[in-house]
Protein backbone atom coordinates (compact mmCIF):
# COMPACT_ATOMS: atom_id res chain seq x y z
CA UNK A 1 97.81 193.79 97.16
CA UNK A 2 95.32 190.93 97.37
CA UNK A 3 94.03 189.82 100.78
CA UNK A 4 92.47 186.48 101.63
CA UNK A 5 90.43 185.76 104.77
CA UNK A 6 90.79 182.27 106.21
CA UNK A 7 88.32 180.87 108.73
CA UNK A 8 88.42 177.33 110.11
CA UNK A 9 85.25 175.50 109.04
CA UNK A 10 84.51 174.36 112.60
CA UNK A 11 84.56 178.02 113.76
CA UNK A 12 81.61 178.91 111.53
CA UNK A 13 78.12 178.86 112.99
CA UNK A 14 75.24 178.08 110.63
CA UNK A 15 71.83 179.57 111.36
CA UNK A 16 68.44 179.78 109.73
CA UNK A 17 65.52 182.12 110.43
CA UNK A 18 67.51 184.91 112.11
CA UNK A 19 64.90 187.58 111.35
CA UNK A 20 65.30 190.21 114.07
CA UNK A 21 67.76 188.17 116.15
CA UNK A 22 70.66 190.01 117.74
CA UNK A 23 73.96 188.16 117.70
CA UNK A 24 77.46 189.17 118.76
CA UNK A 25 79.16 187.86 115.61
CA UNK A 26 79.52 190.74 113.18
CA UNK A 27 80.54 188.58 110.24
CA UNK A 28 77.23 187.36 108.84
CA UNK A 29 76.96 186.03 105.30
CA UNK A 30 73.64 184.93 103.83
CA UNK A 31 73.07 182.48 101.02
CA UNK A 32 71.67 179.12 100.07
CA UNK A 33 72.90 175.67 101.00
CA UNK A 34 74.60 174.20 97.94
CA UNK A 35 75.85 170.87 99.31
CA UNK A 36 75.75 168.68 102.39
CA UNK A 37 78.30 165.95 103.01
CA UNK A 38 77.16 163.76 105.89
CA UNK A 39 79.55 162.00 108.24
CA UNK A 40 79.27 159.73 111.27
CA UNK A 41 78.93 162.66 113.69
CA UNK A 42 79.43 165.88 111.70
CA UNK A 43 78.44 167.15 108.27
CA UNK A 44 80.07 169.63 105.92
CA UNK A 45 77.67 172.35 104.78
CA UNK A 46 78.58 174.50 101.78
CA UNK A 47 76.67 177.78 101.51
CA UNK A 48 76.73 179.70 98.23
CA UNK A 49 76.76 183.36 99.26
CA UNK A 50 74.40 185.95 97.83
CA UNK A 51 77.33 188.22 96.89
CA UNK A 52 79.32 185.43 95.24
CA UNK A 53 81.72 182.85 96.63
CA UNK A 54 80.94 180.16 99.14
CA UNK A 55 81.63 179.18 102.74
CA UNK A 56 82.07 175.65 104.09
CA UNK A 57 81.14 174.91 107.69
CA UNK A 58 81.28 171.82 109.89
CA UNK A 59 78.15 171.21 111.99
CA UNK A 60 76.77 168.22 113.84
CA UNK A 61 74.37 165.84 112.11
CA UNK A 62 71.86 166.83 114.80
CA UNK A 63 72.15 170.47 113.75
CA UNK A 64 71.54 169.53 110.11
CA UNK A 65 68.27 167.90 111.15
CA UNK A 66 67.13 170.53 113.66
CA UNK A 67 67.85 173.40 111.22
CA UNK A 68 66.28 171.52 108.31
CA UNK A 69 69.40 172.08 106.20
CA UNK A 70 69.07 170.87 102.62
CA UNK A 71 70.23 172.10 99.21
CA UNK A 72 68.38 175.31 98.34
CA UNK A 73 67.55 176.20 101.97
CA UNK A 74 68.42 179.78 103.02
CA UNK A 75 71.10 179.91 105.70
CA UNK A 76 73.47 182.36 107.34
CA UNK A 77 77.13 181.69 108.13
CA UNK A 78 78.38 183.58 111.19
CA UNK A 79 81.82 183.89 112.73
CA UNK A 80 83.59 186.21 115.13
CA UNK A 81 86.42 188.46 113.97
CA UNK A 82 88.82 186.61 116.28
CA UNK A 83 88.38 183.51 114.08
CA UNK A 84 89.75 185.22 110.97
CA UNK A 85 93.30 184.90 109.70
CA UNK A 86 94.21 187.42 107.00
CA UNK A 87 96.78 186.48 104.36
CA UNK A 88 98.20 188.81 101.71
CA UNK A 89 99.93 188.06 98.44
CA UNK A 90 102.70 190.17 97.10
């Protein structure tokens, strides 16, 4: 049976430079920013994961600037287990 994990993009936290930081979110996926789509207030950030696949997150434009997010920049996507919906296919 195939399982798919669904996480709402606005529930994903994007971080950079987490070396040694302790966080409560156990789901942490590292990769590189592939694309940024700016908006009036928020931006979509797509992170290509080191293990394959990608994650899209919604962050504020202020966060894009303060984190220095740009294509090629290393970033970590974090989310809590309570934000995950699991779907299975038969």
